[in-house]
Amino acid sequence: MEARIVVISDTHGRIDSAVLAVCAGADHIIHAGDVGGRAVLDELARLAPLTAVRGNRDRDALGAELPAEASGEVAGLRFVVAHKRRDLRAAHPDPAAEGVGLLVYGHTHQPELRFRGHVPGRVPVVWLNPGSCMAPLGHDPRRSYGLVVVRDGEPDARIVFLP
């Protein structure tokens, strides 16, 4: 079984046609917080199953509705998402022991992809910050998202920069 997960973060209330086109082909979408408004989630939920968490700027009614952390499974890959990496590290000191293969976070607007726990015979744990697809920071103005292709429960993750 193969599945495609699109990972985004820090939309801050905006989403455009380029991001929606990427998400349209997904089997699942993960939003790592700082959503910025119900309209963003509604657009994404029309395209694919969606898992979203609140970020530090989601302070309105939507922020109260969204969890600080969420988890799920896609094509045999278990994932956990929170807005800040430090929260994931504190709550999941040994994700491989929990059977979690993908940890997703945002907040920094800087894309980051790390593989941890290389043990012979075990799939390494992927830590993924997709950067921001709508609000990149000045030091790197490129918009980005994460793409995770899952094959038989194993993730193949990468950062993709939007044109």
N, C-alpha and C. Protein backbone atom coordinates (compact mmCIF):
# COMPACT_ATOMS: atom_id res chain seq x y z
N MET A 1 0.83 -1.18 0.00
CA MET A 1 0.00 0.00 0.00
C MET A 1 0.88 1.24 0.00
N GLU A 2 0.49 2.25 -0.78
CA GLU A 2 1.23 3.50 -0.86
C GLU A 2 0.28 4.66 -0.62
N ALA A 3 0.75 5.67 0.09
CA ALA A 3 -0.06 6.85 0.36
C ALA A 3 0.83 8.08 0.32
N ARG A 4 0.22 9.20 0.03
CA ARG A 4 0.92 10.48 -0.09
C ARG A 4 0.38 11.44 0.97
N ILE A 5 1.26 11.92 1.86
CA ILE A 5 0.89 12.86 2.91
C ILE A 5 1.52 14.21 2.57
N VAL A 6 0.71 15.26 2.53
CA VAL A 6 1.22 16.61 2.37
C VAL A 6 1.22 17.26 3.75
N VAL A 7 2.36 17.84 4.12
CA VAL A 7 2.53 18.44 5.43
C VAL A 7 2.76 19.94 5.26
N ILE A 8 1.90 20.74 5.92
CA ILE A 8 2.05 22.19 5.85
C ILE A 8 1.99 22.77 7.26
N SER A 9 2.38 24.03 7.35
CA SER A 9 2.35 24.71 8.64
C SER A 9 2.35 26.21 8.43
N ASP A 10 1.95 26.93 9.46
CA ASP A 10 2.09 28.38 9.50
C ASP A 10 1.49 29.08 8.28
N THR A 11 0.23 28.79 8.02
CA THR A 11 -0.48 29.46 6.91
C THR A 11 -0.97 30.84 7.32
N HIS A 12 -1.16 31.07 8.61
CA HIS A 12 -1.54 32.39 9.13
C HIS A 12 -2.75 32.99 8.42
N GLY A 13 -3.74 32.14 8.17
CA GLY A 13 -5.01 32.61 7.62
C GLY A 13 -5.08 32.72 6.11
N ARG A 14 -4.02 32.30 5.44
CA ARG A 14 -3.99 32.41 3.97
C ARG A 14 -3.63 31.08 3.35
N ILE A 15 -4.24 30.82 2.21
CA ILE A 15 -3.86 29.64 1.43
C ILE A 15 -4.16 29.96 -0.02
N ASP A 16 -3.26 29.63 -0.91
CA ASP A 16 -3.47 30.00 -2.31
C ASP A 16 -3.61 28.78 -3.21
N SER A 17 -3.83 29.04 -4.48
CA SER A 17 -4.11 27.95 -5.43
C SER A 17 -2.93 26.99 -5.58
N ALA A 18 -1.69 27.48 -5.46
CA ALA A 18 -0.54 26.59 -5.60
C ALA A 18 -0.52 25.55 -4.48
N VAL A 19 -0.81 25.98 -3.25
CA VAL A 19 -0.83 25.06 -2.11
C VAL A 19 -2.02 24.12 -2.23
N LEU A 20 -3.16 24.64 -2.61
CA LEU A 20 -4.35 23.80 -2.77
C LEU A 20 -4.13 22.74 -3.85
N ALA A 21 -3.44 23.08 -4.92
CA ALA A 21 -3.16 22.11 -5.99
C ALA A 21 -2.29 20.97 -5.48
N VAL A 22 -1.29 21.30 -4.65
CA VAL A 22 -0.43 20.27 -4.07
C VAL A 22 -1.24 19.35 -3.16
N CYS A 23 -2.11 19.94 -2.36
CA CYS A 23 -2.91 19.17 -1.40
C CYS A 23 -3.99 18.33 -2.08
N ALA A 24 -4.41 18.74 -3.26
CA ALA A 24 -5.50 18.04 -3.95
C ALA A 24 -5.17 16.59 -4.26
N GLY A 25 -3.92 16.26 -4.44
CA GLY A 25 -3.55 14.89 -4.75
C GLY A 25 -3.18 14.05 -3.54
N ALA A 26 -3.37 14.59 -2.35
CA ALA A 26 -2.93 13.91 -1.14
C ALA A 26 -3.93 12.86 -0.66
N ASP A 27 -3.39 11.85 0.01
CA ASP A 27 -4.24 10.89 0.72
C ASP A 27 -4.54 11.39 2.13
N HIS A 28 -3.69 12.29 2.64
CA HIS A 28 -3.89 12.88 3.95
C HIS A 28 -3.12 14.19 3.98
N ILE A 29 -3.64 15.17 4.73
CA ILE A 29 -2.97 16.46 4.93
C ILE A 29 -2.75 16.63 6.43
N ILE A 30 -1.54 17.07 6.78
CA ILE A 30 -1.23 17.41 8.17
C ILE A 30 -0.89 18.90 8.20
N HIS A 31 -1.56 19.63 9.10
CA HIS A 31 -1.26 21.06 9.31
C HIS A 31 -0.71 21.21 10.72
N ALA A 32 0.53 21.72 10.81
CA ALA A 32 1.23 21.78 12.10
C ALA A 32 1.05 23.10 12.84
N GLY A 33 -0.08 23.74 12.68
CA GLY A 33 -0.41 24.88 13.51
C GLY A 33 -0.14 26.25 12.94
N ASP A 34 -0.63 27.27 13.67
CA ASP A 34 -0.73 28.64 13.19
C ASP A 34 -1.54 28.65 11.90
N VAL A 35 -2.70 28.04 12.00
CA VAL A 35 -3.64 27.93 10.88
C VAL A 35 -4.12 29.31 10.48
N GLY A 36 -4.63 30.07 11.46
CA GLY A 36 -5.03 31.43 11.20
C GLY A 36 -6.49 31.64 10.83
N GLY A 37 -7.26 30.58 10.71
CA GLY A 37 -8.68 30.78 10.42
C GLY A 37 -9.38 29.52 9.93
N ARG A 38 -10.65 29.48 10.20
CA ARG A 38 -11.49 28.33 9.82
C ARG A 38 -11.50 28.11 8.31
N ALA A 39 -11.45 29.18 7.53
CA ALA A 39 -11.52 29.03 6.07
C ALA A 39 -10.38 28.16 5.53
N VAL A 40 -9.20 28.28 6.12
CA VAL A 40 -8.05 27.47 5.67
C VAL A 40 -8.35 25.99 5.91
N LEU A 41 -8.84 25.65 7.09
CA LEU A 41 -9.15 24.25 7.39
C LEU A 41 -10.28 23.72 6.52
N ASP A 42 -11.29 24.56 6.27
CA ASP A 42 -12.40 24.13 5.43
C ASP A 42 -11.93 23.81 4.01
N GLU A 43 -11.07 24.66 3.46
CA GLU A 43 -10.52 24.41 2.11
C GLU A 43 -9.74 23.10 2.07
N LEU A 44 -8.89 22.89 3.07
CA LEU A 44 -8.06 21.68 3.10
C LEU A 44 -8.91 20.43 3.30
N ALA A 45 -9.89 20.50 4.17
CA ALA A 45 -10.74 19.33 4.47
C ALA A 45 -11.56 18.89 3.26
N ARG A 46 -11.80 19.80 2.33
CA ARG A 46 -12.52 19.44 1.10
C ARG A 46 -11.65 18.58 0.17
N LEU A 47 -10.33 18.65 0.38
CA LEU A 47 -9.40 17.99 -0.53
C LEU A 47 -8.97 16.59 -0.09
N ALA A 48 -8.82 16.40 1.21
CA ALA A 48 -8.33 15.11 1.74
C ALA A 48 -8.59 15.07 3.24
N PRO A 49 -8.52 13.88 3.84
CA PRO A 49 -8.60 13.80 5.30
C PRO A 49 -7.52 14.70 5.90
N LEU A 50 -7.86 15.39 6.99
CA LEU A 50 -7.00 16.43 7.55
C LEU A 50 -6.79 16.20 9.04
N THR A 51 -5.53 16.35 9.46
CA THR A 51 -5.18 16.40 10.88
C THR A 51 -4.52 17.74 11.11
N ALA A 52 -5.02 18.52 12.08
CA ALA A 52 -4.48 19.85 12.35
C ALA A 52 -4.39 20.09 13.85
N VAL A 53 -3.41 20.90 14.23
CA VAL A 53 -3.23 21.30 15.62
C VAL A 53 -3.18 22.82 15.70
N ARG A 54 -3.34 23.33 16.91
CA ARG A 54 -3.26 24.77 17.08
C ARG A 54 -1.81 25.20 17.26
N GLY A 55 -1.55 26.41 16.82
CA GLY A 55 -0.25 27.02 17.02
C GLY A 55 -0.35 28.13 18.03
N ASN A 56 0.76 28.76 18.33
CA ASN A 56 0.78 29.82 19.33
C ASN A 56 -0.02 31.05 18.91
N ARG A 57 -0.30 31.20 17.62
CA ARG A 57 -1.09 32.35 17.15
C ARG A 57 -2.56 32.00 16.93
N ASP A 58 -2.93 30.77 17.13
CA ASP A 58 -4.34 30.37 16.99
C ASP A 58 -5.03 30.59 18.34
N ARG A 59 -5.41 31.82 18.61
CA ARG A 59 -5.96 32.18 19.92
C ARG A 59 -7.47 32.38 19.92
N ASP A 60 -8.10 32.33 18.78
CA ASP A 60 -9.54 32.57 18.70
C ASP A 60 -10.32 31.28 18.97
N ALA A 61 -11.57 31.24 18.54
CA ALA A 61 -12.41 30.06 18.75
C ALA A 61 -11.80 28.83 18.07
N LEU A 62 -11.17 29.01 16.93
CA LEU A 62 -10.54 27.88 16.24
C LEU A 62 -9.41 27.31 17.09
N GLY A 63 -8.63 28.16 17.72
CA GLY A 63 -7.56 27.71 18.59
C GLY A 63 -8.08 26.90 19.76
N ALA A 64 -9.21 27.30 20.29
CA ALA A 64 -9.82 26.56 21.39
C ALA A 64 -10.32 25.20 20.94
N GLU A 65 -10.68 25.11 19.68
CA GLU A 65 -11.21 23.85 19.12
C GLU A 65 -10.10 22.86 18.76
N LEU A 66 -8.98 23.37 18.28
CA LEU A 66 -7.90 22.50 17.82
C LEU A 66 -7.08 21.98 19.01
N PRO A 67 -6.62 20.73 18.93
CA PRO A 67 -5.78 20.19 20.00
C PRO A 67 -4.35 20.71 19.90
N ALA A 68 -3.62 20.63 21.00
CA ALA A 68 -2.20 21.00 21.00
C ALA A 68 -1.37 19.92 20.31
N GLU A 69 -1.83 18.69 20.38
CA GLU A 69 -1.15 17.56 19.75
C GLU A 69 -2.20 16.63 19.17
N ALA A 70 -1.87 16.03 18.04
CA ALA A 70 -2.76 15.05 17.42
C ALA A 70 -1.92 13.91 16.86
N SER A 71 -2.56 12.79 16.66
CA SER A 71 -1.85 11.64 16.10
C SER A 71 -2.78 10.92 15.14
N GLY A 72 -2.19 10.06 14.35
CA GLY A 72 -2.97 9.29 13.39
C GLY A 72 -2.11 8.24 12.73
N GLU A 73 -2.71 7.60 11.74
CA GLU A 73 -1.99 6.57 10.99
C GLU A 73 -2.43 6.63 9.54
N VAL A 74 -1.45 6.57 8.65
CA VAL A 74 -1.71 6.56 7.22
C VAL A 74 -0.88 5.44 6.61
N ALA A 75 -1.53 4.50 5.97
CA ALA A 75 -0.87 3.40 5.26
C ALA A 75 0.14 2.67 6.15
N GLY A 76 -0.20 2.51 7.42
CA GLY A 76 0.67 1.78 8.34
C GLY A 76 1.71 2.63 9.04
N LEU A 77 1.79 3.92 8.71
CA LEU A 77 2.74 4.83 9.35
C LEU A 77 2.01 5.63 10.43
N ARG A 78 2.47 5.48 11.67
CA ARG A 78 1.91 6.28 12.77
C ARG A 78 2.64 7.60 12.85
N PHE A 79 1.86 8.69 13.03
CA PHE A 79 2.45 10.02 13.14
C PHE A 79 1.89 10.76 14.35
N VAL A 80 2.66 11.76 14.79
CA VAL A 80 2.25 12.68 15.84
C VAL A 80 2.61 14.08 15.35
N VAL A 81 1.73 15.05 15.63
CA VAL A 81 1.98 16.43 15.22
C VAL A 81 1.68 17.38 16.38
N ALA A 82 2.55 18.37 16.54
CA ALA A 82 2.37 19.48 17.48
C ALA A 82 3.02 20.70 16.84
N HIS A 83 2.71 21.87 17.33
CA HIS A 83 3.26 23.07 16.69
C HIS A 83 4.75 23.25 16.96
N LYS A 84 5.21 22.90 18.14
CA LYS A 84 6.62 23.12 18.50
C LYS A 84 7.34 21.80 18.71
N ARG A 85 8.55 21.74 18.19
CA ARG A 85 9.37 20.53 18.33
C ARG A 85 9.64 20.19 19.79
N ARG A 86 9.88 21.20 20.60
CA ARG A 86 10.19 20.92 22.01
C ARG A 86 9.03 20.21 22.71
N ASP A 87 7.80 20.50 22.31
CA ASP A 87 6.65 19.82 22.91
C ASP A 87 6.63 18.34 22.51
N LEU A 88 6.96 18.07 21.27
CA LEU A 88 7.03 16.67 20.81
C LEU A 88 8.15 15.93 21.53
N ARG A 89 9.30 16.56 21.66
CA ARG A 89 10.44 15.91 22.31
C ARG A 89 10.13 15.58 23.76
N ALA A 90 9.42 16.49 24.44
CA ALA A 90 9.08 16.26 25.85
C ALA A 90 8.05 15.14 25.98
N ALA A 91 7.08 15.10 25.10
CA ALA A 91 6.00 14.11 25.21
C ALA A 91 6.37 12.75 24.62
N HIS A 92 7.37 12.73 23.73
CA HIS A 92 7.73 11.48 23.04
C HIS A 92 9.25 11.31 23.01
N PRO A 93 9.86 11.02 24.16
CA PRO A 93 11.32 10.89 24.21
C PRO A 93 11.86 9.71 23.41
N ASP A 94 11.04 8.69 23.19
CA ASP A 94 11.47 7.53 22.39
C ASP A 94 10.34 7.14 21.45
N PRO A 95 10.14 7.93 20.38
CA PRO A 95 9.01 7.67 19.49
C PRO A 95 9.05 6.28 18.84
N ALA A 96 10.24 5.77 18.56
CA ALA A 96 10.33 4.44 17.94
C ALA A 96 9.75 3.37 18.87
N ALA A 97 9.98 3.51 20.16
CA ALA A 97 9.43 2.55 21.12
C ALA A 97 7.91 2.61 21.15
N GLU A 98 7.35 3.78 20.82
CA GLU A 98 5.90 3.95 20.76
C GLU A 98 5.33 3.47 19.42
N GLY A 99 6.21 3.18 18.47
CA GLY A 99 5.76 2.79 17.14
C GLY A 99 5.44 3.98 16.25
N VAL A 100 5.93 5.17 16.62
CA VAL A 100 5.70 6.38 15.84
C VAL A 100 6.86 6.56 14.87
N GLY A 101 6.54 6.72 13.59
CA GLY A 101 7.57 6.86 12.58
C GLY A 101 7.73 8.25 12.01
N LEU A 102 6.76 9.15 12.32
CA LEU A 102 6.80 10.51 11.77
C LEU A 102 6.36 11.48 12.85
N LEU A 103 7.21 12.46 13.14
CA LEU A 103 6.88 13.54 14.07
C LEU A 103 6.93 14.84 13.28
N VAL A 104 5.83 15.59 13.33
CA VAL A 104 5.67 16.81 12.54
C VAL A 104 5.51 18.01 13.47
N TYR A 105 6.20 19.09 13.12
CA TYR A 105 6.10 20.32 13.88
C TYR A 105 6.29 21.50 12.93
N GLY A 106 6.01 22.70 13.41
CA GLY A 106 6.16 23.91 12.60
C GLY A 106 6.83 24.99 13.42
N HIS A 107 6.17 26.15 13.50
CA HIS A 107 6.52 27.28 14.35
C HIS A 107 7.68 28.12 13.84
N THR A 108 8.78 27.56 13.42
CA THR A 108 9.97 28.34 13.07
C THR A 108 9.93 28.92 11.66
N HIS A 109 9.05 28.43 10.82
CA HIS A 109 8.95 28.81 9.41
C HIS A 109 10.21 28.37 8.63
N GLN A 110 11.02 27.54 9.24
CA GLN A 110 12.23 27.05 8.59
C GLN A 110 12.09 25.55 8.33
N PRO A 111 12.16 25.13 7.07
CA PRO A 111 12.05 23.69 6.81
C PRO A 111 13.20 22.92 7.42
N GLU A 112 12.87 21.74 7.91
CA GLU A 112 13.88 20.89 8.54
C GLU A 112 13.44 19.43 8.40
N LEU A 113 14.37 18.59 8.06
CA LEU A 113 14.10 17.16 7.92
C LEU A 113 15.24 16.41 8.60
N ARG A 114 14.88 15.61 9.61
CA ARG A 114 15.89 14.86 10.37
C ARG A 114 15.44 13.41 10.49
N PHE A 115 16.42 12.53 10.47
CA PHE A 115 16.16 11.11 10.68
C PHE A 115 16.88 10.71 11.95
N ARG A 116 16.17 10.09 12.88
CA ARG A 116 16.73 9.69 14.16
C ARG A 116 16.47 8.22 14.40
N GLY A 117 17.33 7.62 15.18
CA GLY A 117 17.10 6.24 15.61
C GLY A 117 17.46 5.19 14.58
N HIS A 118 18.56 5.42 13.86
CA HIS A 118 18.99 4.41 12.89
C HIS A 118 19.44 3.15 13.63
N VAL A 119 18.61 2.14 13.58
CA VAL A 119 18.90 0.86 14.21
C VAL A 119 18.72 -0.20 13.13
N PRO A 120 19.69 -1.11 12.96
CA PRO A 120 19.53 -2.15 11.94
C PRO A 120 18.20 -2.89 12.09
N GLY A 121 17.50 -3.00 10.97
CA GLY A 121 16.23 -3.72 10.98
C GLY A 121 15.02 -2.88 11.37
N ARG A 122 15.26 -1.60 11.72
CA ARG A 122 14.16 -0.71 12.08
C ARG A 122 14.18 0.53 11.19
N VAL A 123 13.01 1.01 10.85
CA VAL A 123 12.89 2.24 10.08
C VAL A 123 13.21 3.41 11.01
N PRO A 124 14.06 4.37 10.57
CA PRO A 124 14.34 5.51 11.43
C PRO A 124 13.11 6.40 11.59
N VAL A 125 13.09 7.12 12.68
CA VAL A 125 12.01 8.07 12.94
C VAL A 125 12.31 9.35 12.16
N VAL A 126 11.31 9.86 11.47
CA VAL A 126 11.44 11.09 10.70
C VAL A 126 10.87 12.25 11.51
N TRP A 127 11.67 13.31 11.67
CA TRP A 127 11.24 14.57 12.29
C TRP A 127 11.15 15.58 11.15
N LEU A 128 9.97 16.18 10.96
CA LEU A 128 9.74 17.03 9.80
C LEU A 128 9.09 18.35 10.18
N ASN A 129 9.75 19.44 9.83
CA ASN A 129 9.16 20.78 9.87
C ASN A 129 9.05 21.20 8.41
N PRO A 130 7.82 21.40 7.91
CA PRO A 130 7.67 21.72 6.49
C PRO A 130 8.02 23.16 6.13
N GLY A 131 8.37 23.99 7.13
CA GLY A 131 8.55 25.41 6.86
C GLY A 131 7.17 26.04 6.76
N SER A 132 7.07 27.12 6.03
CA SER A 132 5.77 27.78 5.84
C SER A 132 5.45 27.87 4.36
N CYS A 133 4.24 27.42 4.01
CA CYS A 133 3.82 27.48 2.61
C CYS A 133 3.23 28.84 2.27
N MET A 134 2.98 29.70 3.28
CA MET A 134 2.37 30.99 3.01
C MET A 134 3.10 32.18 3.65
N ALA A 135 3.89 31.97 4.67
CA ALA A 135 4.51 33.09 5.39
C ALA A 135 5.98 32.81 5.70
N PRO A 136 6.81 32.65 4.67
CA PRO A 136 8.23 32.41 4.95
C PRO A 136 8.87 33.63 5.59
N LEU A 137 9.96 33.41 6.29
CA LEU A 137 10.67 34.51 6.94
C LEU A 137 11.67 35.14 5.99
N GLY A 138 12.11 36.34 6.32
CA GLY A 138 12.99 37.11 5.45
C GLY A 138 14.32 36.47 5.14
N HIS A 139 14.90 35.71 6.07
CA HIS A 139 16.21 35.11 5.82
C HIS A 139 16.15 34.02 4.75
N ASP A 140 14.96 33.46 4.51
CA ASP A 140 14.76 32.49 3.43
C ASP A 140 13.33 32.66 2.92
N PRO A 141 13.15 33.45 1.88
CA PRO A 141 11.81 33.79 1.42
C PRO A 141 11.08 32.69 0.64
N ARG A 142 11.69 31.51 0.55
CA ARG A 142 11.04 30.43 -0.22
C ARG A 142 9.90 29.80 0.59
N ARG A 143 8.79 29.60 -0.08
CA ARG A 143 7.67 28.90 0.54
C ARG A 143 7.91 27.40 0.38
N SER A 144 7.51 26.63 1.40
CA SER A 144 7.80 25.19 1.34
C SER A 144 6.71 24.38 2.02
N TYR A 145 6.75 23.08 1.73
CA TYR A 145 5.87 22.11 2.37
C TYR A 145 6.62 20.79 2.45
N GLY A 146 6.08 19.87 3.21
CA GLY A 146 6.67 18.55 3.31
C GLY A 146 5.85 17.54 2.52
N LEU A 147 6.52 16.60 1.92
CA LEU A 147 5.86 15.52 1.20
C LEU A 147 6.39 14.20 1.75
N VAL A 148 5.48 13.36 2.21
CA VAL A 148 5.85 12.06 2.75
C VAL A 148 5.11 11.01 1.95
N VAL A 149 5.86 10.18 1.25
CA VAL A 149 5.27 9.05 0.55
C VAL A 149 5.48 7.83 1.45
N VAL A 150 4.39 7.15 1.76
CA VAL A 150 4.43 6.01 2.66
C VAL A 150 4.24 4.74 1.84
N ARG A 151 5.20 3.85 1.96
CA ARG A 151 5.13 2.55 1.28
C ARG A 151 5.27 1.47 2.34
N ASP A 152 4.23 0.67 2.49
CA ASP A 152 4.25 -0.42 3.48
C ASP A 152 4.66 0.06 4.86
N GLY A 153 4.15 1.20 5.26
CA GLY A 153 4.41 1.73 6.59
C GLY A 153 5.72 2.48 6.75
N GLU A 154 6.52 2.58 5.69
CA GLU A 154 7.81 3.25 5.77
C GLU A 154 7.76 4.60 5.07
N PRO A 155 8.23 5.67 5.74
CA PRO A 155 8.15 7.01 5.15
C PRO A 155 9.35 7.35 4.27
N ASP A 156 9.06 8.00 3.15
CA ASP A 156 10.07 8.61 2.31
C ASP A 156 9.71 10.10 2.30
N ALA A 157 10.45 10.90 3.08
CA ALA A 157 10.08 12.30 3.29
C ALA A 157 11.05 13.24 2.61
N ARG A 158 10.50 14.40 2.19
CA ARG A 158 11.33 15.44 1.61
C ARG A 158 10.67 16.79 1.78
N ILE A 159 11.46 17.83 1.67
CA ILE A 159 10.98 19.20 1.67
C ILE A 159 10.85 19.62 0.21
N VAL A 160 9.75 20.30 -0.11
CA VAL A 160 9.53 20.77 -1.47
C VAL A 160 9.33 22.29 -1.40
N PHE A 161 10.02 23.00 -2.27
CA PHE A 161 9.89 24.45 -2.34
C PHE A 161 8.94 24.83 -3.46
N LEU A 162 8.02 25.73 -3.17
CA LEU A 162 7.06 26.18 -4.17
C LEU A 162 7.71 27.20 -5.09
N PRO A 163 7.32 27.20 -6.35
CA PRO A 163 7.89 28.20 -7.27
C PRO A 163 7.43 29.61 -6.95
